[in-house]
Amino acid sequence: FLHFSYSCYVDSTGISGGLALRWNDEVDLQVHAKSQIMFRCVLTATGVAMAWLVTFLYALPCWNDRKIFWINLQHMAVTNRYPWLWLGGFNEIGWSWK
């Protein structure tokens, strides 16, 4: 049904679900770091001149955990040398109206 050449997993912990990342040969994806909430990868693709940092993430719903998450993302931004794409669920409200 879904056929992928490569995959990377983070096992679940207790009742919290794990993460799975799968891809095919069309891209060269190097997983540089993984955790319970994200995969940090460098992506190169055919016909694309430069590599990209891609972060696949699912931010935790608890405010204190998300606060630490945003601090960690800021640190990654300072040390990053690639164009950067974030994909996933941030569990944040961008705008609230009544």
PDB file of N, CA and C in Angstrom:
ATOM      1  N   PHE A   1       0.829  -1.175   0.000  1.00  0.00           N
ATOM      2  CA  PHE A   1       0.000   0.000   0.000  1.00  0.00           C
ATOM      3  C   PHE A   1       0.877   1.244   0.000  1.00  0.00           C
ATOM      4  N   LEU A   2       1.566   1.590   1.049  1.00  0.00           N
ATOM      5  CA  LEU A   2       2.533   2.692   1.036  1.00  0.00           C
ATOM      6  C   LEU A   2       3.930   2.098   0.978  1.00  0.00           C
ATOM      7  N   HIS A   3       4.622   2.392  -0.090  1.00  0.00           N
ATOM      8  CA  HIS A   3       5.956   1.822  -0.262  1.00  0.00           C
ATOM      9  C   HIS A   3       7.001   2.934  -0.179  1.00  0.00           C
ATOM     10  N   PHE A   4       7.819   2.860   0.833  1.00  0.00           N
ATOM     11  CA  PHE A   4       8.894   3.819   1.023  1.00  0.00           C
ATOM     12  C   PHE A   4      10.208   3.064   1.110  1.00  0.00           C
ATOM     13  N   SER A   5      11.266   3.687   0.622  1.00  0.00           N
ATOM     14  CA  SER A   5      12.578   3.054   0.653  1.00  0.00           C
ATOM     15  C   SER A   5      13.253   3.199   2.003  1.00  0.00           C
ATOM     16  N   TYR A   6      12.965   4.285   2.715  1.00  0.00           N
ATOM     17  CA  TYR A   6      13.680   4.593   3.954  1.00  0.00           C
ATOM     18  C   TYR A   6      12.695   5.008   5.047  1.00  0.00           C
ATOM     19  N   SER A   7      13.111   4.835   6.280  1.00  0.00           N
ATOM     20  CA  SER A   7      12.278   5.268   7.388  1.00  0.00           C
ATOM     21  C   SER A   7      13.133   5.523   8.626  1.00  0.00           C
ATOM     22  N   CYS A   8      12.586   6.319   9.520  1.00  0.00           N
ATOM     23  CA  CYS A   8      13.216   6.601  10.801  1.00  0.00           C
ATOM     24  C   CYS A   8      12.087   6.696  11.825  1.00  0.00           C
ATOM     25  N   TYR A   9      12.300   6.127  13.005  1.00  0.00           N
ATOM     26  CA  TYR A   9      11.248   6.056  14.016  1.00  0.00           C
ATOM     27  C   TYR A   9      11.740   6.577  15.361  1.00  0.00           C
ATOM     28  N   VAL A  10      10.774   7.047  16.139  1.00  0.00           N
ATOM     29  CA  VAL A  10      10.971   7.307  17.559  1.00  0.00           C
ATOM     30  C   VAL A  10       9.872   6.521  18.254  1.00  0.00           C
ATOM     31  N   ASP A  11      10.248   5.601  19.120  1.00  0.00           N
ATOM     32  CA  ASP A  11       9.267   4.767  19.807  1.00  0.00           C
ATOM     33  C   ASP A  11       8.381   5.572  20.741  1.00  0.00           C
ATOM     34  N   SER A  12       7.176   5.071  20.966  1.00  0.00           N
ATOM     35  CA  SER A  12       6.265   5.725  21.899  1.00  0.00           C
ATOM     36  C   SER A  12       6.763   5.549  23.328  1.00  0.00           C
ATOM     37  N   THR A  13       6.339   6.470  24.187  1.00  0.00           N
ATOM     38  CA  THR A  13       6.663   6.413  25.606  1.00  0.00           C
ATOM     39  C   THR A  13       5.349   6.427  26.374  1.00  0.00           C
ATOM     40  N   GLY A  14       5.041   5.353  27.047  1.00  0.00           N
ATOM     41  CA  GLY A  14       3.766   5.287  27.758  1.00  0.00           C
ATOM     42  C   GLY A  14       2.615   5.411  26.792  1.00  0.00           C
ATOM     43  N   ILE A  15       1.695   6.341  27.092  1.00  0.00           N
ATOM     44  CA  ILE A  15       0.543   6.527  26.219  1.00  0.00           C
ATOM     45  C   ILE A  15       0.795   7.556  25.119  1.00  0.00           C
ATOM     46  N   SER A  16       1.935   8.243  25.171  1.00  0.00           N
ATOM     47  CA  SER A  16       2.225   9.212  24.110  1.00  0.00           C
ATOM     48  C   SER A  16       2.747   8.463  22.897  1.00  0.00           C
ATOM     49  N   GLY A  17       2.229   8.846  21.750  1.00  0.00           N
ATOM     50  CA  GLY A  17       2.595   8.163  20.508  1.00  0.00           C
ATOM     51  C   GLY A  17       4.007   8.487  20.070  1.00  0.00           C
ATOM     52  N   GLY A  18       4.572   7.623  19.288  1.00  0.00           N
ATOM     53  CA  GLY A  18       5.890   7.855  18.714  1.00  0.00           C
ATOM     54  C   GLY A  18       5.780   8.666  17.436  1.00  0.00           C
ATOM     55  N   LEU A  19       6.893   8.800  16.754  1.00  0.00           N
ATOM     56  CA  LEU A  19       6.940   9.511  15.481  1.00  0.00           C
ATOM     57  C   LEU A  19       7.525   8.590  14.421  1.00  0.00           C
ATOM     58  N   ALA A  20       7.083   8.792  13.199  1.00  0.00           N
ATOM     59  CA  ALA A  20       7.628   8.033  12.075  1.00  0.00           C
ATOM     60  C   ALA A  20       7.855   8.979  10.915  1.00  0.00           C
ATOM     61  N   LEU A  21       8.956   8.790  10.232  1.00  0.00           N
ATOM     62  CA  LEU A  21       9.303   9.584   9.061  1.00  0.00           C
ATOM     63  C   LEU A  21       9.709   8.607   7.971  1.00  0.00           C
ATOM     64  N   ARG A  22       9.114   8.727   6.793  1.00  0.00           N
ATOM     65  CA  ARG A  22       9.405   7.818   5.680  1.00  0.00           C
ATOM     66  C   ARG A  22       9.616   8.627   4.409  1.00  0.00           C
ATOM     67  N   TRP A  23      10.524   8.145   3.546  1.00  0.00           N
ATOM     68  CA  TRP A  23      10.807   8.839   2.300  1.00  0.00           C
ATOM     69  C   TRP A  23      11.335   7.869   1.255  1.00  0.00           C
ATOM     70  N   ASN A  24      11.371   8.340   0.010  1.00  0.00           N
ATOM     71  CA  ASN A  24      11.827   7.541  -1.127  1.00  0.00           C
ATOM     72  C   ASN A  24      13.117   8.084  -1.708  1.00  0.00           C
ATOM     73  N   ASP A  25      13.557   7.461  -2.767  1.00  0.00           N
ATOM     74  CA  ASP A  25      14.833   7.785  -3.400  1.00  0.00           C
ATOM     75  C   ASP A  25      14.865   9.146  -4.085  1.00  0.00           C
ATOM     76  N   GLU A  26      13.715   9.787  -4.272  1.00  0.00           N
ATOM     77  CA  GLU A  26      13.691  11.084  -4.953  1.00  0.00           C
ATOM     78  C   GLU A  26      14.416  12.171  -4.171  1.00  0.00           C
ATOM     79  N   VAL A  27      14.586  11.959  -2.892  1.00  0.00           N
ATOM     80  CA  VAL A  27      15.290  12.920  -2.052  1.00  0.00           C
ATOM     81  C   VAL A  27      16.399  12.217  -1.279  1.00  0.00           C
ATOM     82  N   ASP A  28      17.406  12.971  -0.939  1.00  0.00           N
ATOM     83  CA  ASP A  28      18.446  12.487  -0.032  1.00  0.00           C
ATOM     84  C   ASP A  28      18.173  13.174   1.297  1.00  0.00           C
ATOM     85  N   LEU A  29      17.708  12.399   2.261  1.00  0.00           N
ATOM     86  CA  LEU A  29      17.343  12.936   3.566  1.00  0.00           C
ATOM     87  C   LEU A  29      18.269  12.334   4.610  1.00  0.00           C
ATOM     88  N   GLN A  30      19.008  13.183   5.288  1.00  0.00           N
ATOM     89  CA  GLN A  30      19.907  12.739   6.353  1.00  0.00           C
ATOM     90  C   GLN A  30      19.333  13.217   7.684  1.00  0.00           C
ATOM     91  N   VAL A  31      18.957  12.264   8.532  1.00  0.00           N
ATOM     92  CA  VAL A  31      18.409  12.601   9.840  1.00  0.00           C
ATOM     93  C   VAL A  31      19.574  12.925  10.767  1.00  0.00           C
ATOM     94  N   HIS A  32      19.671  14.181  11.189  1.00  0.00           N
ATOM     95  CA  HIS A  32      20.764  14.621  12.057  1.00  0.00           C
ATOM     96  C   HIS A  32      20.428  14.513  13.532  1.00  0.00           C
ATOM     97  N   ALA A  33      19.131  14.595  13.861  1.00  0.00           N
ATOM     98  CA  ALA A  33      18.710  14.468  15.259  1.00  0.00           C
ATOM     99  C   ALA A  33      17.254  14.051  15.277  1.00  0.00           C
ATOM    100  N   LYS A  34      16.881  13.339  16.325  1.00  0.00           N
ATOM    101  CA  LYS A  34      15.483  12.974  16.509  1.00  0.00           C
ATOM    102  C   LYS A  34      15.184  12.948  17.993  1.00  0.00           C
ATOM    103  N   SER A  35      13.903  13.214  18.310  1.00  0.00           N
ATOM    104  CA  SER A  35      13.462  13.212  19.699  1.00  0.00           C
ATOM    105  C   SER A  35      11.993  12.822  19.714  1.00  0.00           C
ATOM    106  N   GLN A  36      11.378  12.879  20.875  1.00  0.00           N
ATOM    107  CA  GLN A  36       9.957  12.545  21.007  1.00  0.00           C
ATOM    108  C   GLN A  36       9.068  13.509  20.229  1.00  0.00           C
ATOM    109  N   ILE A  37       9.587  14.696  19.883  1.00  0.00           N
ATOM    110  CA  ILE A  37       8.735  15.683  19.225  1.00  0.00           C
ATOM    111  C   ILE A  37       9.230  16.123  17.850  1.00  0.00           C
ATOM    112  N   MET A  38      10.413  15.696  17.418  1.00  0.00           N
ATOM    113  CA  MET A  38      10.871  16.192  16.121  1.00  0.00           C
ATOM    114  C   MET A  38      11.953  15.333  15.481  1.00  0.00           C
ATOM    115  N   PHE A  39      12.027  15.487  14.152  1.00  0.00           N
ATOM    116  CA  PHE A  39      13.146  15.004  13.358  1.00  0.00           C
ATOM    117  C   PHE A  39      13.808  16.237  12.764  1.00  0.00           C
ATOM    118  N   ARG A  40      15.112  16.338  12.895  1.00  0.00           N
ATOM    119  CA  ARG A  40      15.865  17.447  12.296  1.00  0.00           C
ATOM    120  C   ARG A  40      16.724  16.841  11.197  1.00  0.00           C
ATOM    121  N   CYS A  41      16.471  17.255   9.942  1.00  0.00           N
ATOM    122  CA  CYS A  41      17.062  16.589   8.785  1.00  0.00           C
ATOM    123  C   CYS A  41      17.673  17.606   7.827  1.00  0.00           C
ATOM    124  N   VAL A  42      18.636  17.137   7.055  1.00  0.00           N
ATOM    125  CA  VAL A  42      19.147  17.915   5.938  1.00  0.00           C
ATOM    126  C   VAL A  42      18.664  17.217   4.672  1.00  0.00           C
ATOM    127  N   LEU A  43      18.012  17.992   3.803  1.00  0.00           N
ATOM    128  CA  LEU A  43      17.358  17.474   2.618  1.00  0.00           C
ATOM    129  C   LEU A  43      18.007  18.029   1.366  1.00  0.00           C
ATOM    130  N   THR A  44      18.340  17.154   0.446  1.00  0.00           N
ATOM    131  CA  THR A  44      18.741  17.575  -0.895  1.00  0.00           C
ATOM    132  C   THR A  44      17.869  16.809  -1.879  1.00  0.00           C
ATOM    133  N   ALA A  45      17.521  17.448  -2.977  1.00  0.00           N
ATOM    134  CA  ALA A  45      16.644  16.831  -3.966  1.00  0.00           C
ATOM    135  C   ALA A  45      17.195  17.083  -5.354  1.00  0.00           C
ATOM    136  N   THR A  46      16.856  16.210  -6.259  1.00  0.00           N
ATOM    137  CA  THR A  46      17.275  16.351  -7.652  1.00  0.00           C
ATOM    138  C   THR A  46      16.774  17.677  -8.205  1.00  0.00           C
ATOM    139  N   GLY A  47      17.659  18.419  -8.837  1.00  0.00           N
ATOM    140  CA  GLY A  47      17.283  19.690  -9.435  1.00  0.00           C
ATOM    141  C   GLY A  47      17.276  20.869  -8.484  1.00  0.00           C
ATOM    142  N   VAL A  48      17.583  20.647  -7.220  1.00  0.00           N
ATOM    143  CA  VAL A  48      17.629  21.732  -6.243  1.00  0.00           C
ATOM    144  C   VAL A  48      19.090  22.055  -5.975  1.00  0.00           C
ATOM    145  N   ALA A  49      19.447  23.319  -6.089  1.00  0.00           N
ATOM    146  CA  ALA A  49      20.851  23.718  -6.034  1.00  0.00           C
ATOM    147  C   ALA A  49      21.492  23.564  -4.662  1.00  0.00           C
ATOM    148  N   MET A  50      20.725  23.728  -3.603  1.00  0.00           N
ATOM    149  CA  MET A  50      21.335  23.674  -2.285  1.00  0.00           C
ATOM    150  C   MET A  50      20.525  22.819  -1.322  1.00  0.00           C
ATOM    151  N   ALA A  51      21.162  22.429  -0.257  1.00  0.00           N
ATOM    152  CA  ALA A  51      20.512  21.626   0.776  1.00  0.00           C
ATOM    153  C   ALA A  51      19.642  22.516   1.658  1.00  0.00           C
ATOM    154  N   TRP A  52      18.648  21.901   2.288  1.00  0.00           N
ATOM    155  CA  TRP A  52      17.737  22.572   3.205  1.00  0.00           C
ATOM    156  C   TRP A  52      17.751  21.861   4.541  1.00  0.00           C
ATOM    157  N   LEU A  53      17.601  22.620   5.608  1.00  0.00           N
ATOM    158  CA  LEU A  53      17.321  22.027   6.902  1.00  0.00           C
ATOM    159  C   LEU A  53      15.802  21.896   6.981  1.00  0.00           C
ATOM    160  N   VAL A  54      15.309  20.693   7.258  1.00  0.00           N
ATOM    161  CA  VAL A  54      13.878  20.454   7.390  1.00  0.00           C
ATOM    162  C   VAL A  54      13.629  19.883   8.778  1.00  0.00           C
ATOM    163  N   THR A  55      12.739  20.512   9.517  1.00  0.00           N
ATOM    164  CA  THR A  55      12.378  20.036  10.844  1.00  0.00           C
ATOM    165  C   THR A  55      10.922  19.591  10.805  1.00  0.00           C
ATOM    166  N   PHE A  56      10.714  18.300  10.986  1.00  0.00           N
ATOM    167  CA  PHE A  56       9.375  17.723  11.088  1.00  0.00           C
ATOM    168  C   PHE A  56       9.056  17.656  12.580  1.00  0.00           C
ATOM    169  N   LEU A  57       7.943  18.244  13.000  1.00  0.00           N
ATOM    170  CA  LEU A  57       7.731  18.334  14.434  1.00  0.00           C
ATOM    171  C   LEU A  57       6.285  18.176  14.842  1.00  0.00           C
ATOM    172  N   TYR A  58       6.129  17.811  16.088  1.00  0.00           N
ATOM    173  CA  TYR A  58       4.837  17.821  16.765  1.00  0.00           C
ATOM    174  C   TYR A  58       5.087  18.367  18.163  1.00  0.00           C
ATOM    175  N   ALA A  59       4.749  19.631  18.362  1.00  0.00           N
ATOM    176  CA  ALA A  59       5.002  20.277  19.650  1.00  0.00           C
ATOM    177  C   ALA A  59       4.029  19.755  20.706  1.00  0.00           C
ATOM    178  N   LEU A  60       4.516  19.624  21.900  1.00  0.00           N
ATOM    179  CA  LEU A  60       3.701  19.123  23.002  1.00  0.00           C
ATOM    180  C   LEU A  60       2.616  20.127  23.371  1.00  0.00           C
ATOM    181  N   PRO A  61       1.436  19.651  23.805  1.00  0.00           N
ATOM    182  CA  PRO A  61       0.338  20.567  24.103  1.00  0.00           C
ATOM    183  C   PRO A  61       0.482  21.335  25.416  1.00  0.00           C
ATOM    184  N   CYS A  62       1.345  20.905  26.316  1.00  0.00           N
ATOM    185  CA  CYS A  62       1.531  21.561  27.608  1.00  0.00           C
ATOM    186  C   CYS A  62       2.366  22.840  27.432  1.00  0.00           C
ATOM    187  N   TRP A  63       1.886  23.964  27.986  1.00  0.00           N
ATOM    188  CA  TRP A  63       2.548  25.251  27.809  1.00  0.00           C
ATOM    189  C   TRP A  63       4.015  25.222  28.255  1.00  0.00           C
ATOM    190  N   ASN A  64       4.332  24.661  29.414  1.00  0.00           N
ATOM    191  CA  ASN A  64       5.714  24.654  29.901  1.00  0.00           C
ATOM    192  C   ASN A  64       6.636  23.886  28.950  1.00  0.00           C
ATOM    193  N   ASP A  65       6.149  22.771  28.415  1.00  0.00           N
ATOM    194  CA  ASP A  65       6.942  22.003  27.446  1.00  0.00           C
ATOM    195  C   ASP A  65       7.132  22.777  26.153  1.00  0.00           C
ATOM    196  N   ARG A  66       6.087  23.475  25.697  1.00  0.00           N
ATOM    197  CA  ARG A  66       6.204  24.262  24.464  1.00  0.00           C
ATOM    198  C   ARG A  66       7.158  25.423  24.650  1.00  0.00           C
ATOM    199  N   LYS A  67       7.197  25.998  25.831  1.00  0.00           N
ATOM    200  CA  LYS A  67       8.122  27.106  26.098  1.00  0.00           C
ATOM    201  C   LYS A  67       9.564  26.637  25.894  1.00  0.00           C
ATOM    202  N   ILE A  68       9.897  25.475  26.415  1.00  0.00           N
ATOM    203  CA  ILE A  68      11.230  24.897  26.223  1.00  0.00           C
ATOM    204  C   ILE A  68      11.462  24.593  24.746  1.00  0.00           C
ATOM    205  N   PHE A  69      10.439  24.076  24.078  1.00  0.00           N
ATOM    206  CA  PHE A  69      10.507  23.784  22.651  1.00  0.00           C
ATOM    207  C   PHE A  69      10.886  25.030  21.849  1.00  0.00           C
ATOM    208  N   TRP A  70      10.225  26.179  22.121  1.00  0.00           N
ATOM    209  CA  TRP A  70      10.523  27.413  21.387  1.00  0.00           C
ATOM    210  C   TRP A  70      11.939  27.907  21.679  1.00  0.00           C
ATOM    211  N   ILE A  71      12.400  27.755  22.896  1.00  0.00           N
ATOM    212  CA  ILE A  71      13.776  28.133  23.232  1.00  0.00           C
ATOM    213  C   ILE A  71      14.756  27.277  22.428  1.00  0.00           C
ATOM    214  N   ASN A  72      14.487  25.981  22.343  1.00  0.00           N
ATOM    215  CA  ASN A  72      15.350  25.084  21.560  1.00  0.00           C
ATOM    216  C   ASN A  72      15.334  25.439  20.078  1.00  0.00           C
ATOM    217  N   LEU A  73      14.177  25.799  19.528  1.00  0.00           N
ATOM    218  CA  LEU A  73      14.113  26.208  18.127  1.00  0.00           C
ATOM    219  C   LEU A  73      14.907  27.488  17.881  1.00  0.00           C
ATOM    220  N   GLN A  74      14.854  28.412  18.832  1.00  0.00           N
ATOM    221  CA  GLN A  74      15.651  29.636  18.692  1.00  0.00           C
ATOM    222  C   GLN A  74      17.137  29.308  18.662  1.00  0.00           C
ATOM    223  N   HIS A  75      17.567  28.372  19.499  1.00  0.00           N
ATOM    224  CA  HIS A  75      18.968  27.961  19.493  1.00  0.00           C
ATOM    225  C   HIS A  75      19.346  27.323  18.156  1.00  0.00           C
ATOM    226  N   MET A  76      18.472  26.492  17.624  1.00  0.00           N
ATOM    227  CA  MET A  76      18.735  25.877  16.322  1.00  0.00           C
ATOM    228  C   MET A  76      18.847  26.940  15.232  1.00  0.00           C
ATOM    229  N   ALA A  77      18.026  27.977  15.314  1.00  0.00           N
ATOM    230  CA  ALA A  77      18.061  29.039  14.309  1.00  0.00           C
ATOM    231  C   ALA A  77      19.404  29.752  14.302  1.00  0.00           C
ATOM    232  N   VAL A  78      19.978  29.953  15.471  1.00  0.00           N
ATOM    233  CA  VAL A  78      21.267  30.653  15.578  1.00  0.00           C
ATOM    234  C   VAL A  78      22.392  29.821  14.966  1.00  0.00           C
ATOM    235  N   THR A  79      22.318  28.505  15.115  1.00  0.00           N
ATOM    236  CA  THR A  79      23.398  27.636  14.646  1.00  0.00           C
ATOM    237  C   THR A  79      23.176  27.095  13.240  1.00  0.00           C
ATOM    238  N   ASN A  80      22.029  27.378  12.633  1.00  0.00           N
ATOM    239  CA  ASN A  80      21.697  26.843  11.318  1.00  0.00           C
ATOM    240  C   ASN A  80      22.391  27.607  10.201  1.00  0.00           C
ATOM    241  N   ARG A  81      22.841  26.873   9.176  1.00  0.00           N
ATOM    242  CA  ARG A  81      23.480  27.519   8.022  1.00  0.00           C
ATOM    243  C   ARG A  81      22.736  27.254   6.717  1.00  0.00           C
ATOM    244  N   TYR A  82      21.581  26.610   6.790  1.00  0.00           N
ATOM    245  CA  TYR A  82      20.790  26.251   5.611  1.00  0.00           C
ATOM    246  C   TYR A  82      19.486  27.044   5.572  1.00  0.00           C
ATOM    247  N   PRO A  83      18.853  27.145   4.377  1.00  0.00           N
ATOM    248  CA  PRO A  83      17.451  27.568   4.371  1.00  0.00           C
ATOM    249  C   PRO A  83      16.676  26.558   5.214  1.00  0.00           C
ATOM    250  N   TRP A  84      15.629  27.003   5.915  1.00  0.00           N
ATOM    251  CA  TRP A  84      15.005  26.150   6.917  1.00  0.00           C
ATOM    252  C   TRP A  84      13.504  26.061   6.691  1.00  0.00           C
ATOM    253  N   LEU A  85      12.991  24.851   6.668  1.00  0.00           N
ATOM    254  CA  LEU A  85      11.576  24.589   6.528  1.00  0.00           C
ATOM    255  C   LEU A  85      11.105  23.795   7.738  1.00  0.00           C
ATOM    256  N   TRP A  86      10.034  24.271   8.373  1.00  0.00           N
ATOM    257  CA  TRP A  86       9.418  23.550   9.506  1.00  0.00           C
ATOM    258  C   TRP A  86       8.105  22.984   9.024  1.00  0.00           C
ATOM    259  N   LEU A  87       7.831  21.726   9.343  1.00  0.00           N
ATOM    260  CA  LEU A  87       6.572  21.077   8.974  1.00  0.00           C
ATOM    261  C   LEU A  87       6.025  20.346  10.181  1.00  0.00           C
ATOM    262  N   GLY A  88       4.731  20.481  10.420  1.00  0.00           N
ATOM    263  CA  GLY A  88       4.138  19.718  11.505  1.00  0.00           C
ATOM    264  C   GLY A  88       3.134  20.518  12.307  1.00  0.00           C
ATOM    265  N   GLY A  89       2.913  20.071  13.526  1.00  0.00           N
ATOM    266  CA  GLY A  89       1.947  20.700  14.412  1.00  0.00           C
ATOM    267  C   GLY A  89       2.648  21.438  15.536  1.00  0.00           C
ATOM    268  N   PHE A  90       2.396  22.737  15.622  1.00  0.00           N
ATOM    269  CA  PHE A  90       3.035  23.558  16.641  1.00  0.00           C
ATOM    270  C   PHE A  90       2.221  23.652  17.921  1.00  0.00           C
ATOM    271  N   ASN A  91       0.959  23.268  17.896  1.00  0.00           N
ATOM    272  CA  ASN A  91       0.075  23.394  19.069  1.00  0.00           C
ATOM    273  C   ASN A  91       0.088  24.817  19.604  1.00  0.00           C
ATOM    274  N   GLU A  92       0.052  25.782  18.707  1.00  0.00           N
ATOM    275  CA  GLU A  92       0.013  27.202  19.067  1.00  0.00           C
ATOM    276  C   GLU A  92      -1.158  27.862  18.377  1.00  0.00           C
ATOM    277  N   ILE A  93      -1.690  28.901  18.995  1.00  0.00           N
ATOM    278  CA  ILE A  93      -2.746  29.703  18.390  1.00  0.00           C
ATOM    279  C   ILE A  93      -2.086  30.947  17.836  1.00  0.00           C
ATOM    280  N   GLY A  94      -2.196  31.131  16.527  1.00  0.00           N
ATOM    281  CA  GLY A  94      -1.584  32.295  15.898  1.00  0.00           C
ATOM    282  C   GLY A  94      -2.415  33.558  16.035  1.00  0.00           C
ATOM    283  N   TRP A  95      -3.734  33.405  16.134  1.00  0.00           N
ATOM    284  CA  TRP A  95      -4.619  34.550  16.220  1.00  0.00           C
ATOM    285  C   TRP A  95      -5.891  34.116  16.930  1.00  0.00           C
ATOM    286  N   SER A  96      -6.369  34.944  17.814  1.00  0.00           N
ATOM    287  CA  SER A  96      -7.606  34.641  18.536  1.00  0.00           C
ATOM    288  C   SER A  96      -8.571  35.809  18.369  1.00  0.00           C
ATOM    289  N   TRP A  97      -9.807  35.530  18.037  1.00  0.00           N
ATOM    290  CA  TRP A  97     -10.811  36.546  17.953  1.00  0.00           C
ATOM    291  C   TRP A  97     -12.122  36.010  18.520  1.00  0.00           C
ATOM    292  N   LYS A  98     -12.992  36.936  18.866  1.00  0.00           N
ATOM    293  CA  LYS A  98     -14.284  36.547  19.463  1.00  0.00           C
ATOM    294  C   LYS A  98     -15.433  36.941  18.601  1.00  0.00           C
TER     295      LYS A  98
END
